[in-house]
Protein backbone atom coordinates (compact mmCIF):
# COMPACT_ATOMS: atom_id res chain seq x y z
CA GLU A 1 -45.07 -28.69 18.69
CA SER A 2 -44.50 -25.05 19.66
CA ILE A 3 -40.74 -25.54 19.31
CA ILE A 4 -41.20 -26.91 15.79
CA GLN A 5 -43.43 -23.95 14.96
CA ARG A 6 -40.72 -21.63 16.26
CA PHE A 7 -38.15 -23.32 14.00
CA LYS A 8 -40.47 -22.90 11.02
CA GLN A 9 -41.08 -19.27 11.94
CA GLU A 10 -37.34 -18.66 12.10
CA LEU A 11 -36.78 -20.27 8.72
CA ILE A 12 -39.57 -18.33 7.00
CA LEU A 13 -38.62 -14.92 8.39
CA ALA A 14 -34.86 -15.43 8.13
CA HIS A 15 -35.27 -16.17 4.41
CA GLN A 16 -36.97 -12.78 4.04
CA VAL A 17 -33.95 -10.99 5.51
CA THR A 18 -30.85 -11.25 3.34
CA HIS A 19 -27.90 -9.27 4.65
CA LYS A 20 -24.27 -9.96 5.50
CA ASN A 21 -24.96 -9.04 9.15
CA VAL A 22 -27.83 -11.52 9.46
CA ILE A 23 -26.96 -15.20 9.90
CA ARG A 24 -28.03 -17.45 7.06
CA ILE A 25 -30.63 -20.12 7.89
CA TYR A 26 -30.70 -22.86 5.25
CA ASP A 27 -33.23 -25.56 6.05
CA LEU A 28 -35.42 -27.32 8.61
CA GLY A 29 -34.96 -31.09 8.60
CA GLU A 30 -35.52 -34.28 10.49
CA ALA A 31 -33.22 -37.28 11.01
CA GLU A 32 -34.45 -40.35 12.88
CA GLY A 33 -37.02 -38.37 14.82
CA LEU A 34 -34.68 -35.48 15.67
CA LYS A 35 -35.64 -32.13 14.15
CA PHE A 36 -32.93 -29.60 13.38
CA ILE A 37 -32.16 -26.43 11.48
CA THR A 38 -29.06 -25.93 9.36
CA MET A 39 -27.39 -22.55 9.37
CA GLU A 40 -24.19 -20.74 8.51
CA TYR A 41 -21.26 -21.79 10.71
CA ILE A 42 -19.67 -18.86 12.53
CA GLU A 43 -16.29 -19.13 14.20
CA GLY A 44 -16.37 -16.51 16.91
CA GLU A 45 -18.20 -15.51 20.10
CA ASP A 46 -21.43 -13.81 21.12
CA LEU A 47 -21.57 -10.37 22.72
CA ARG A 48 -22.39 -11.87 26.12
CA ALA A 49 -19.01 -13.66 26.13
CA LEU A 50 -17.33 -10.45 24.92
CA ILE A 51 -18.85 -8.38 27.74
CA GLN A 52 -17.89 -10.99 30.33
CA GLU A 53 -14.33 -10.98 29.02
CA LYS A 54 -13.80 -7.20 28.69
CA LYS A 55 -16.32 -5.90 31.29
CA LYS A 56 -16.84 -2.83 29.11
CA LEU A 57 -15.73 -1.90 25.61
CA GLN A 58 -13.93 1.16 24.33
CA PRO A 59 -16.38 3.56 22.64
CA GLU A 60 -14.79 2.98 19.22
CA GLU A 61 -15.23 -0.79 19.43
CA ALA A 62 -18.78 -0.53 20.76
CA VAL A 63 -19.74 1.85 17.94
CA GLU A 64 -18.36 -0.50 15.26
CA ILE A 65 -20.47 -3.32 16.69
CA MET A 66 -23.61 -1.18 16.95
CA GLN A 67 -23.24 0.07 13.39
CA GLN A 68 -23.37 -3.49 12.07
CA VAL A 69 -26.33 -4.39 14.30
CA CYS A 70 -28.12 -1.29 12.96
CA ARG A 71 -27.50 -2.46 9.39
CA ALA A 72 -28.93 -5.88 10.23
CA LEU A 73 -32.05 -4.32 11.76
CA GLU A 74 -32.31 -1.92 8.83
CA ALA A 75 -32.45 -4.95 6.49
CA ALA A 76 -35.02 -6.76 8.65
CA HIS A 77 -37.26 -3.73 9.15
CA SER A 78 -37.14 -2.87 5.43
CA VAL A 79 -38.98 -6.13 4.67
CA GLY A 80 -41.40 -5.69 7.57
CA VAL A 81 -39.73 -8.04 10.08
CA ILE A 82 -39.16 -7.09 13.73
CA HIS A 83 -36.87 -9.28 15.83
CA ARG A 84 -38.47 -8.99 19.32
CA ASP A 85 -35.73 -10.98 21.08
CA LEU A 86 -32.50 -9.05 20.58
CA LYS A 87 -29.91 -9.66 23.31
CA PRO A 88 -26.12 -10.08 23.50
CA GLN A 89 -26.49 -13.87 23.28
CA ASN A 90 -28.21 -13.48 19.89
CA ILE A 91 -25.47 -11.33 18.36
CA MET A 92 -22.19 -12.94 17.30
CA ARG A 93 -18.85 -11.54 16.18
CA ASP A 94 -16.68 -13.70 13.95
CA LYS A 95 -12.89 -13.68 13.76
CA THR A 96 -12.86 -10.97 11.09
CA GLY A 97 -14.98 -8.62 13.22
CA ARG A 98 -18.19 -9.19 11.25
CA ILE A 99 -21.31 -8.98 13.42
CA LEU A 100 -24.21 -11.37 12.82
CA VAL A 101 -27.69 -11.08 14.30
CA MET A 102 -29.30 -14.48 14.80
CA ASP A 103 -32.30 -16.30 16.32
CA PHE A 104 -35.37 -14.95 14.54
CA GLY A 105 -37.47 -17.56 16.35
CA LEU A 106 -39.63 -14.86 18.00
CA ALA A 107 -39.51 -12.47 15.07
CA ARG A 108 -42.79 -11.38 13.52
CA SER A 109 -43.78 -9.89 10.20
CA LEU A 110 -45.42 -6.50 10.53
CA GLU A 111 -47.83 -7.56 7.79
CA GLY A 112 -49.20 -10.63 9.62
CA GLU A 113 -50.20 -11.99 12.98
CA GLY A 114 -47.00 -13.99 13.49
CA MET A 115 -46.84 -16.52 16.28
CA THR A 116 -48.26 -14.42 19.09
CA GLN A 117 -51.16 -12.07 19.62
CA THR A 118 -51.31 -8.66 21.24
CA GLY A 119 -51.30 -9.11 24.99
CA ALA A 120 -48.87 -12.04 24.96
CA LEU A 121 -45.54 -11.51 26.70
CA VAL A 122 -42.69 -12.69 24.47
CA GLY A 123 -38.93 -12.13 24.49
CA THR A 124 -36.23 -12.03 27.15
CA MET A 125 -37.26 -10.04 30.21
CA GLU A 126 -33.95 -8.22 30.71
CA TYR A 127 -34.05 -6.80 27.16
CA MET A 128 -37.74 -6.04 26.62
CA SER A 129 -39.01 -2.63 25.58
CA PRO A 130 -41.71 -1.02 27.79
CA GLU A 131 -44.44 -1.71 25.21
CA GLN A 132 -43.25 -5.31 24.90
CA ALA A 133 -43.45 -5.70 28.69
CA LEU A 134 -47.02 -4.37 28.62
CA GLY A 135 -48.03 -6.77 25.85
CA GLU A 136 -48.83 -3.94 23.44
CA GLU A 137 -48.57 -3.95 19.66
CA LEU A 138 -44.91 -3.77 18.64
CA GLY A 139 -43.21 -1.86 15.85
CA GLU A 140 -39.64 -1.27 14.68
CA ARG A 141 -38.94 1.09 17.60
CA SER A 142 -39.28 -1.78 20.08
CA ASP A 143 -36.12 -3.30 18.56
CA LEU A 144 -34.43 0.12 18.79
CA PHE A 145 -35.13 0.33 22.53
CA THR A 146 -33.46 -3.06 23.00
CA LEU A 147 -30.59 -1.84 20.84
CA GLY A 148 -30.13 1.02 23.32
CA LEU A 149 -30.00 -1.44 26.25
CA ILE A 150 -27.27 -3.46 24.51
CA PHE A 151 -25.31 -0.31 23.60
CA TYR A 152 -25.54 0.85 27.23
CA GLU A 153 -24.19 -2.51 28.41
CA LEU A 154 -21.32 -2.52 25.90
CA LEU A 155 -20.19 0.96 26.98
CA THR A 156 -20.52 0.46 30.75
CA GLY A 157 -20.51 -3.28 31.41
CA LYS A 158 -23.76 -2.74 33.33
CA MET A 159 -27.48 -2.59 32.64
CA PRO A 160 -29.68 0.49 33.24
CA TYR A 161 -32.83 0.31 35.38
CA LYS A 162 -31.06 -1.45 38.24
CA ALA A 163 -33.34 -3.40 40.57
CA GLU A 164 -33.21 -6.47 42.79
CA THR A 165 -35.04 -8.67 40.30
CA ALA A 166 -35.50 -8.80 36.52
CA LEU A 167 -39.22 -8.23 36.99
CA ALA A 168 -38.62 -5.12 39.11
CA SER A 169 -36.20 -3.80 36.48
CA LEU A 170 -38.82 -4.41 33.81
CA LEU A 171 -41.36 -2.46 35.85
CA LYS A 172 -38.95 0.51 36.16
CA ARG A 173 -38.63 0.55 32.37
CA THR A 174 -42.37 1.12 32.03
CA GLN A 175 -42.38 4.00 34.53
CA GLY A 176 -39.43 6.27 33.86
CA ARG A 177 -36.32 7.16 31.89
CA ALA A 178 -32.83 5.71 32.30
CA THR A 179 -30.14 7.93 33.79
CA PRO A 180 -27.81 9.13 30.99
CA ILE A 181 -24.57 7.15 30.75
CA SER A 182 -22.44 10.29 30.96
CA ASP A 183 -23.86 10.94 34.45
CA HIS A 184 -22.23 7.70 35.62
CA ASP A 185 -19.05 7.81 33.55
CA ARG A 186 -17.78 11.14 32.22
CA ALA A 187 -15.20 9.34 30.04
CA ILE A 188 -17.98 8.21 27.71
CA PRO A 189 -18.55 10.77 24.93
CA ARG A 190 -21.70 12.83 25.48
CA VAL A 191 -22.78 12.27 21.88
CA LEU A 192 -22.87 8.50 22.42
CA SER A 193 -24.63 9.00 25.74
CA GLY A 194 -27.27 11.04 23.91
CA ILE A 195 -27.75 8.34 21.27
CA VAL A 196 -28.31 5.72 23.97
CA SER A 197 -30.75 7.99 25.85
CA LYS A 198 -32.79 8.62 22.71
CA CYS A 199 -33.02 4.87 22.07
CA LEU A 200 -34.21 4.34 25.66
CA GLU A 201 -37.07 6.86 25.62
CA ARG A 202 -40.12 5.28 27.28
CA GLU A 203 -42.58 6.49 24.63
CA PRO A 204 -41.82 4.94 21.21
CA GLU A 205 -42.62 8.18 19.35
CA ARG A 206 -39.76 9.96 21.20
CA ARG A 207 -37.16 7.41 20.07
CA TYR A 208 -35.35 7.22 16.76
CA LYS A 209 -37.75 6.35 13.95
CA THR A 210 -35.44 3.90 12.20
CA ALA A 211 -32.16 2.04 12.62
CA SER A 212 -30.86 4.16 9.73
CA GLU A 213 -31.16 7.31 11.88
CA ILE A 214 -29.08 5.72 14.66
CA LEU A 215 -26.52 4.60 12.09
CA ALA A 216 -26.27 8.13 10.71
CA ASP A 217 -25.62 9.58 14.19
CA LEU A 218 -22.98 6.92 14.93
CA GLU A 219 -21.24 7.64 11.64
CA GLY A 220 -21.48 11.36 12.36
CA TRP A 221 -19.70 10.85 15.69
CA GLN A 222 -17.02 8.79 13.95
CA GLY A 223 -16.54 11.45 11.30
CA LYS A 224 -16.19 14.32 13.79
CA ARG A 225 -13.78 12.26 15.88
CA ALA A 226 -11.64 11.49 12.84
CA ALA A 227 -11.62 15.17 11.84
CA ALA A 228 -10.67 16.20 15.37
CA SER A 229 -7.73 13.80 15.38
CA LEU A 230 -6.41 15.50 12.22
CA SER A 231 -6.79 19.09 13.51
CA PHE A 232 -3.68 21.10 14.24
CA PRO A 233 -2.97 23.10 17.41
CA SER A 234 -3.32 26.85 17.13
CA VAL A 235 -0.04 28.62 16.32
CA ARG A 236 0.95 32.02 17.61
CA PRO A 237 1.61 34.46 14.75
CA TRP A 238 5.22 35.26 14.08
CA GLY A 239 6.02 38.56 15.68
CA ARG A 240 8.78 40.65 17.13
CA ASP A 241 8.71 38.68 20.38
CA VAL A 242 10.07 35.55 18.61
CA PRO A 243 13.88 35.64 18.88
CA TRP A 244 15.79 35.35 15.58
CA PRO A 245 18.13 32.65 16.98
CA LEU A 246 15.05 30.51 17.69
CA ILE A 247 13.86 30.99 14.11
CA GLY A 248 17.26 29.75 12.93
CA VAL A 249 17.02 26.66 15.13
CA ILE A 250 13.51 25.89 13.87
CA THR A 251 14.65 26.32 10.25
CA THR A 252 17.57 23.94 10.81
CA VAL A 253 15.25 21.36 12.39
CA LEU A 254 12.86 21.60 9.44
CA VAL A 255 15.71 21.14 6.93
CA LEU A 256 17.04 18.12 8.84
CA ALA A 257 13.54 16.67 9.06
CA SER A 258 13.12 17.04 5.29
CA VAL A 259 16.46 15.31 4.62
CA GLY A 260 15.51 12.58 7.07
CA PHE A 261 12.20 12.06 5.31
CA LEU A 262 13.94 11.71 1.94
CA LEU A 263 16.50 9.28 3.37
CA ARG A 264 13.70 7.32 5.00
CA GLY A 265 12.21 6.75 1.57
CA LYS A 266 15.51 5.22 0.42
CA LEU A 267 16.27 3.22 3.56
CA PHE A 268 12.84 1.67 4.02
CA THR A 269 11.90 0.94 0.41
CA HIS A 270 12.97 -2.70 0.73
CA THR A 271 10.98 -3.28 3.92
CA THR A 272 7.85 -1.69 2.48
CA SER A 273 8.04 -3.76 -0.69
CA GLU A 274 8.38 -6.91 1.38
CA GLN A 275 5.29 -6.01 3.41
CA ALA A 276 3.35 -5.13 0.28
CA SER A 277 4.15 -8.54 -1.23
CA VAL A 278 2.09 -10.25 1.48
CA LYS A 279 -1.36 -9.86 -0.05
CA PRO A 280 -4.65 -11.11 1.34
CA ALA A 281 -6.28 -13.98 -0.53
CA ILE A 282 -8.41 -13.08 -3.53
CA SER A 283 -12.01 -14.21 -3.15
CA LEU A 284 -13.78 -15.19 -6.38
CA ALA A 285 -17.48 -15.90 -6.94
CA ILE A 286 -18.33 -17.71 -10.20
CA LEU A 287 -21.95 -17.26 -11.27
CA PRO A 288 -23.91 -19.75 -13.42
CA PHE A 289 -23.47 -19.01 -17.12
CA ARG A 290 -26.45 -17.75 -19.12
CA ASN A 291 -27.72 -19.68 -22.12
CA ALA A 292 -27.65 -17.18 -25.00
CA SER A 293 -28.39 -19.82 -27.66
CA GLY A 294 -32.16 -19.79 -27.45
CA ASP A 295 -31.92 -23.59 -27.30
CA ALA A 296 -33.54 -24.81 -24.06
CA SER A 297 -32.01 -28.28 -24.48
CA VAL A 298 -28.64 -26.91 -23.33
CA ASN A 299 -29.93 -24.99 -20.28
CA TRP A 300 -28.22 -27.59 -18.07
CA LEU A 301 -24.82 -26.27 -19.15
CA GLY A 302 -25.17 -23.05 -17.10
CA LEU A 303 -24.59 -24.61 -13.67
CA THR A 304 -22.27 -27.29 -15.04
CA LEU A 305 -19.84 -24.86 -16.69
CA ALA A 306 -19.65 -22.73 -13.53
CA GLU A 307 -18.90 -25.78 -11.37
CA MET A 308 -16.34 -27.14 -13.85
CA LEU A 309 -14.58 -23.77 -13.89
CA ARG A 310 -14.58 -23.55 -10.09
CA THR A 311 -13.00 -26.98 -9.67
CA ASP A 312 -10.47 -26.23 -12.43
CA MET A 313 -9.47 -22.95 -10.75
CA GLY A 314 -8.19 -24.74 -7.64
CA GLU A 315 -7.60 -23.03 -4.30
CA SER A 316 -4.57 -21.89 -2.33
CA ALA A 317 -3.55 -19.33 0.27
CA SER A 318 -3.73 -16.75 -2.56
CA LEU A 319 -7.14 -17.64 -3.97
CA ARG A 320 -10.47 -18.70 -2.48
CA THR A 321 -13.44 -19.61 -4.66
CA VAL A 322 -16.95 -19.33 -3.23
CA SER A 323 -18.74 -22.69 -3.28
CA SER A 324 -21.44 -23.15 -5.94
CA ASP A 325 -23.97 -23.94 -3.20
CA ARG A 326 -23.29 -20.61 -1.53
CA VAL A 327 -23.56 -18.69 -4.81
CA ASN A 328 -26.84 -20.39 -5.77
CA GLN A 329 -28.29 -19.82 -2.29
CA ILE A 330 -27.48 -16.10 -2.47
CA LEU A 331 -28.97 -15.79 -5.97
CA HIS A 332 -32.12 -17.51 -4.73
CA ASP A 333 -32.39 -15.34 -1.61
CA LEU A 334 -31.83 -12.14 -3.58
CA ARG A 335 -34.37 -13.32 -6.19
CA ILE A 336 -31.83 -13.02 -9.00
CA ALA A 337 -32.53 -15.26 -12.00
CA SER A 338 -29.41 -17.17 -13.04
CA ASP A 339 -30.30 -16.58 -16.71
CA GLY A 340 -31.08 -12.88 -16.28
CA ASN A 341 -29.00 -9.83 -17.15
CA LEU A 342 -26.65 -8.70 -14.38
CA ASP A 343 -26.27 -4.96 -13.86
CA PRO A 344 -23.44 -3.45 -11.75
CA ASP A 345 -25.67 -2.99 -8.68
CA THR A 346 -26.75 -6.65 -8.78
CA LEU A 347 -23.14 -7.81 -9.09
CA ARG A 348 -22.15 -5.64 -6.13
CA ARG A 349 -24.92 -7.20 -4.02
CA VAL A 350 -23.79 -10.70 -4.96
CA ALA A 351 -20.18 -9.81 -4.13
CA ASP A 352 -21.24 -8.28 -0.83
CA PHE A 353 -23.24 -11.31 0.31
CA THR A 354 -20.65 -13.86 -0.84
CA SER A 355 -17.77 -11.79 0.63
CA ALA A 356 -16.08 -11.88 -2.79
CA ASP A 357 -13.93 -9.11 -4.24
CA ARG A 358 -14.05 -10.54 -7.79
CA VAL A 359 -17.11 -11.85 -9.64
CA LEU A 360 -17.05 -13.89 -12.84
CA TRP A 361 -20.16 -14.14 -15.00
CA GLY A 362 -20.94 -14.78 -18.63
CA GLN A 363 -22.87 -16.65 -21.27
CA TYR A 364 -22.49 -19.50 -23.74
CA LEU A 365 -23.61 -19.91 -27.33
CA LYS A 366 -24.07 -23.18 -29.17
CA PHE A 367 -24.07 -23.14 -32.97
CA GLY A 368 -23.91 -26.56 -34.57
CA ASP A 369 -21.58 -28.69 -32.48
CA GLN A 370 -19.43 -25.74 -31.43
CA ILE A 371 -19.84 -23.96 -28.09
CA ARG A 372 -18.42 -20.51 -27.38
CA ILE A 373 -18.08 -19.24 -23.81
CA ASP A 374 -17.87 -15.48 -23.16
CA ALA A 375 -16.93 -14.49 -19.62
CA THR A 376 -16.34 -11.24 -17.75
CA LEU A 377 -14.12 -11.11 -14.69
CA GLN A 378 -15.11 -8.04 -12.68
CA ASP A 379 -12.85 -6.47 -10.06
CA LEU A 380 -15.41 -4.45 -8.11
CA LYS A 381 -12.97 -2.64 -5.83
CA ARG A 382 -10.78 -1.33 -8.64
CA GLN A 383 -13.69 -1.09 -11.10
CA ARG A 384 -11.84 -3.09 -13.75
CA ASN A 385 -13.24 -5.68 -16.17
CA PHE A 386 -11.45 -8.47 -18.03
CA VAL A 387 -13.25 -9.96 -21.03
CA LEU A 388 -12.33 -13.62 -21.56
CA LYS A 389 -13.47 -16.31 -23.95
CA ALA A 390 -13.02 -19.99 -24.74
CA GLU A 391 -14.27 -22.21 -27.54
CA ALA A 392 -15.03 -25.93 -27.70
CA SER A 393 -15.43 -27.85 -30.94
CA SER A 394 -18.07 -30.07 -29.27
CA GLU A 395 -19.47 -30.99 -25.85
CA LYS A 396 -16.66 -33.54 -25.45
CA ASP A 397 -14.14 -30.73 -25.92
CA LEU A 398 -15.62 -28.60 -23.10
CA PRO A 399 -13.23 -29.84 -20.35
CA ARG A 400 -10.27 -28.59 -22.41
CA ALA A 401 -12.01 -25.27 -23.11
CA ILE A 402 -12.84 -24.78 -19.43
CA GLN A 403 -9.25 -25.58 -18.49
CA GLN A 404 -8.10 -22.90 -20.94
CA LEU A 405 -10.60 -20.43 -19.46
CA ALA A 406 -9.36 -21.20 -15.93
CA ARG A 407 -5.78 -20.37 -16.98
CA SER A 408 -6.98 -17.08 -18.50
CA VAL A 409 -8.79 -16.20 -15.25
CA GLN A 410 -5.70 -17.00 -13.17
CA GLU A 411 -3.55 -14.79 -15.38
CA SER A 412 -6.10 -11.95 -15.22
CA LEU A 413 -5.96 -12.16 -11.42
CA ALA A 414 -2.22 -11.36 -11.70
CA LEU A 415 -1.25 -14.51 -9.82
CA SER A 416 2.40 -15.49 -9.78
CA PRO A 417 3.62 -18.48 -11.88
CA ASP A 418 4.32 -20.42 -8.66
CA THR A 419 0.78 -19.78 -7.41
CA ILE A 420 -0.73 -20.86 -10.74
CA LYS A 421 1.35 -24.05 -10.60
CA GLU A 422 0.09 -24.68 -7.06
CA LEU A 423 -3.52 -24.09 -8.15
CA GLN A 424 -3.17 -26.53 -11.03
CA ALA A 425 -1.84 -29.18 -8.65
CA LYS A 426 -4.75 -28.63 -6.23
CA SER A 427 -7.56 -28.44 -8.78
CA LEU A 428 -10.15 -31.17 -8.25
CA LYS A 429 -10.71 -33.06 -11.50
CA PRO A 430 -14.08 -34.85 -11.62
CA SER A 431 -13.96 -38.58 -12.32
CA SER A 432 -15.88 -38.22 -15.59
CA GLN A 433 -14.92 -36.71 -18.89
CA SER A 434 -18.56 -36.74 -20.01
CA VAL A 435 -19.99 -33.24 -19.80
CA LYS A 436 -23.54 -34.60 -19.87
CA ALA A 437 -22.76 -36.94 -16.97
CA LEU A 438 -21.30 -33.99 -15.07
CA GLY A 439 -24.47 -32.03 -15.83
CA TYR A 440 -26.72 -34.74 -14.39
CA TYR A 441 -24.40 -35.07 -11.40
CA SER A 442 -24.40 -31.32 -10.75
CA GLU A 443 -28.21 -31.17 -10.94
CA GLY A 444 -28.44 -34.18 -8.58
CA LEU A 445 -26.26 -32.43 -6.01
CA HIS A 446 -28.41 -29.31 -6.31
CA LEU A 447 -31.61 -31.31 -5.69
CA ALA A 448 -30.11 -33.32 -2.82
CA ARG A 449 -29.04 -30.16 -1.02
CA GLN A 450 -32.63 -28.93 -1.28
CA GLY A 451 -33.80 -32.15 0.38
CA LYS A 452 -35.32 -33.49 -2.87
CA ASN A 453 -33.54 -36.82 -2.57
CA LEU A 454 -35.90 -38.89 -4.74
CA GLU A 455 -35.50 -36.49 -7.67
CA ALA A 456 -31.75 -36.41 -7.01
CA THR A 457 -31.43 -40.20 -7.41
CA LYS A 458 -32.85 -39.93 -10.94
CA GLN A 459 -30.17 -37.41 -11.88
CA PHE A 460 -27.36 -39.50 -10.36
CA GLU A 461 -28.68 -42.59 -12.17
CA ALA A 462 -28.73 -40.63 -15.43
CA ALA A 463 -25.10 -39.64 -14.75
CA THR A 464 -24.06 -43.29 -14.31
CA THR A 465 -25.99 -44.27 -17.45
CA GLU A 466 -24.11 -41.60 -19.39
CA ASP A 467 -20.77 -42.69 -17.86
CA SER A 468 -20.72 -46.14 -16.25
CA GLY A 469 -17.34 -45.40 -14.65
CA PHE A 470 -18.42 -42.21 -12.83
CA ALA A 471 -17.36 -43.17 -9.29
CA LEU A 472 -18.59 -40.02 -7.52
CA ALA A 473 -22.06 -40.39 -9.02
CA TYR A 474 -22.30 -43.92 -7.62
CA ALA A 475 -21.11 -42.64 -4.23
CA GLU A 476 -23.83 -39.97 -4.21
CA LEU A 477 -26.41 -42.57 -5.23
CA GLY A 478 -25.37 -44.65 -2.22
CA ARG A 479 -25.57 -41.66 0.11
CA THR A 480 -28.96 -40.53 -1.22
CA TYR A 481 -30.51 -43.99 -1.02
CA SER A 482 -29.16 -44.26 2.53
CA VAL A 483 -30.99 -41.04 3.43
CA LEU A 484 -34.18 -42.41 1.84
CA GLY A 485 -33.88 -45.60 3.91
CA TYR A 486 -33.06 -48.05 1.09
CA GLY A 487 -30.15 -49.76 2.85
CA ASP A 488 -29.54 -52.53 0.30
CA LYS A 489 -29.43 -50.15 -2.65
CA ALA A 490 -27.25 -47.72 -0.67
CA GLN A 491 -24.66 -50.42 0.04
CA GLU A 492 -24.76 -51.70 -3.55
CA TYR A 493 -23.96 -48.29 -5.06
CA ALA A 494 -21.45 -47.44 -2.34
CA ARG A 495 -19.52 -50.67 -3.07
CA LYS A 496 -19.61 -49.88 -6.80
CA ALA A 497 -18.09 -46.46 -6.08
CA VAL A 498 -15.33 -48.03 -3.97
CA ASP A 499 -14.58 -50.53 -6.76
CA LEU A 500 -14.09 -47.62 -9.18
CA SER A 501 -12.16 -45.42 -6.72
CA ASP A 502 -8.70 -46.70 -7.70
CA LYS A 503 -8.95 -44.69 -10.92
CA VAL A 504 -9.80 -41.33 -9.34
CA SER A 505 -7.86 -38.57 -7.58
CA PRO A 506 -6.91 -38.95 -3.88
CA GLN A 507 -9.44 -36.25 -2.91
CA GLU A 508 -12.30 -38.11 -4.59
CA LYS A 509 -11.14 -41.48 -3.28
CA TYR A 510 -11.31 -40.44 0.36
CA LEU A 511 -14.64 -38.71 -0.21
CA ILE A 512 -15.99 -41.95 -1.72
CA LEU A 513 -14.69 -43.96 1.25
CA ALA A 514 -16.41 -41.55 3.64
CA GLU A 515 -19.69 -41.86 1.69
CA ASN A 516 -19.31 -45.67 1.77
CA ALA A 517 -18.93 -45.60 5.55
CA GLN A 518 -22.13 -43.55 5.81
CA ALA A 519 -24.07 -45.88 3.50
CA ASN A 520 -22.98 -48.84 5.65
CA LYS A 521 -24.11 -47.03 8.83
CA ASP A 522 -20.62 -46.90 10.30
CA TYR A 523 -21.53 -44.56 13.17
CA PRO A 524 -22.66 -46.78 16.06
CA ASP A 525 -22.05 -44.17 18.73
CA ARG A 526 -24.87 -41.83 17.65
CA LEU A 527 -26.31 -39.69 20.40
CA LEU A 528 -29.96 -39.63 21.36
CA ARG A 529 -31.64 -36.63 22.88
CA LYS A 530 -31.90 -36.90 26.65
CA PRO A 531 -34.86 -35.72 28.73
CA GLY A 532 -34.51 -32.00 29.41
CA GLN A 533 -31.84 -31.53 26.74
CA ASP A 534 -32.84 -28.46 24.69
CA VAL A 535 -30.59 -29.02 21.69
CA ALA A 536 -29.89 -32.42 20.16
CA ARG A 537 -26.30 -32.85 19.08
CA ARG A 538 -25.60 -34.31 15.66
CA PRO A 539 -24.68 -38.01 15.53
CA ARG A 540 -20.95 -38.53 15.49
CA CYS A 541 -19.56 -40.49 12.56
CA GLY A 542 -17.87 -43.83 13.12
CA THR A 543 -14.19 -44.70 13.06
CA ARG A 544 -13.85 -45.49 9.34
CA SER A 545 -15.95 -42.49 8.34
CA ARG A 546 -13.90 -40.13 10.55
CA HIS A 547 -10.64 -41.54 9.21
CA SER A 548 -11.69 -41.14 5.56
CA LEU A 549 -12.99 -37.62 6.19
CA ARG A 550 -9.73 -36.56 7.86
CA ARG A 551 -7.72 -37.93 4.93
CA PHE A 552 -9.99 -36.14 2.47
CA LEU A 553 -9.66 -32.84 4.30
CA HIS A 554 -5.89 -33.25 4.53
CA VAL A 555 -5.48 -33.99 0.81
CA GLY A 556 -8.00 -31.39 -0.33
CA GLN A 557 -7.14 -28.54 2.04
CA GLY A 558 -8.57 -25.25 0.86
CA HIS A 559 -11.46 -26.68 -1.15
CA SER A 560 -15.00 -25.55 -0.40
CA ILE A 561 -17.50 -28.39 -0.33
């Protein structure tokens, strides 16, 4: 029961802390008696593995890591959450160098009692602050002490307060100060040594007050170091003791260097242009459209239009679209209403948390049967806006209008004709031309991902009523009823989806086959939790399900699901 409570605590507090350096926790669920949490998947390694691999890090690398950890703590502390269990194992670095702080299972809100009372010893012994070791009331500065321990270890590969046992080391922490790093290794900059020492002060009031102060000092060290690297050596003034022949030689060298520089511009122009042509992929976040009609009966179009546009955009090595689920989760976490006005600061926050460099947002107006869509594509880095629009003569004409809007977006992104052709080939066309059916389907997916499966079935059923040939809606009905435990219904709808799958795209067909395998319980080799096993592994899918999923991923490479 205490483990379940810890999971719940992690979910509640993690949802309070929204920052790109804090791992996203999505939900707490249960499947066949096994409880689990779902979180953002990170491809990378934790700092413990990094320290074991490198022994100690170069100051520049350690500072970059610590800056990101400081930003994560800054976000947590700003909403009154202290972590209480920071350690290298709880800090990950992904393949892009992004640092993520995780495991808020022992975190506590400064406004409430949390899971433990004063006097209780919580955390990992090797990384506890003195006040944490003594069971005293904890504040933000407890996390900052632990931050100093981790920084010390990154720079030296060792821990301060050496002792024969972890308990003895903990006792030393409560009795005295750590020896400055620079006393052990003079190669470590004294400024960084001072930052670590200030973090490791025994009395909390002598430490930094906030993570922001540490961040400022780290950035100050970086700035001075960068300035020093650009400084020029002192030059003796020209005087009578400089021989004229030497001046002539120097002048000749300078002239030759200038000619060489000009020639270099000619000789290397081709190489530079080739390198410049290899551009990183554009990342685009499409926000739900706002209903500007004043007609609540068409509110459902907001999410539907955004999802239709995303699937019509396609994906390739040149363009990545952020999944609708991810966008909606970020809007929810940041408490941004999908039908509210979006100011530049809000758009920047959305772009930051979705890792997008372009954001598309807009509104739609319905007058009579006609629907007009006004969109703005915002390039936040270059501070450029592109105003786009599309018009549909009726709801049935919306797929054509969205397709037209997608082409306008692709052109505004300055994509090459070959790339646009590739995107058109890879766009995922839904197996329904009914916009209302797509709206019900989109809402059903949204509810199912929130765990509201019973409500989701009603939306999927409405989608199949609107379009009796909507194969994907039947597949989702089968999957949802399978989750709810209605095996007969699950198999009935899954078979219906398979019967209709000959008329859909290859991507949808293999997705439907995978859903059918799940509805028919084609995963006999599921794993059960063994005694003493801390983490239950997810059940592995069966042969047919794995095969269909592989085919789907192969055909639909690049799509976000």
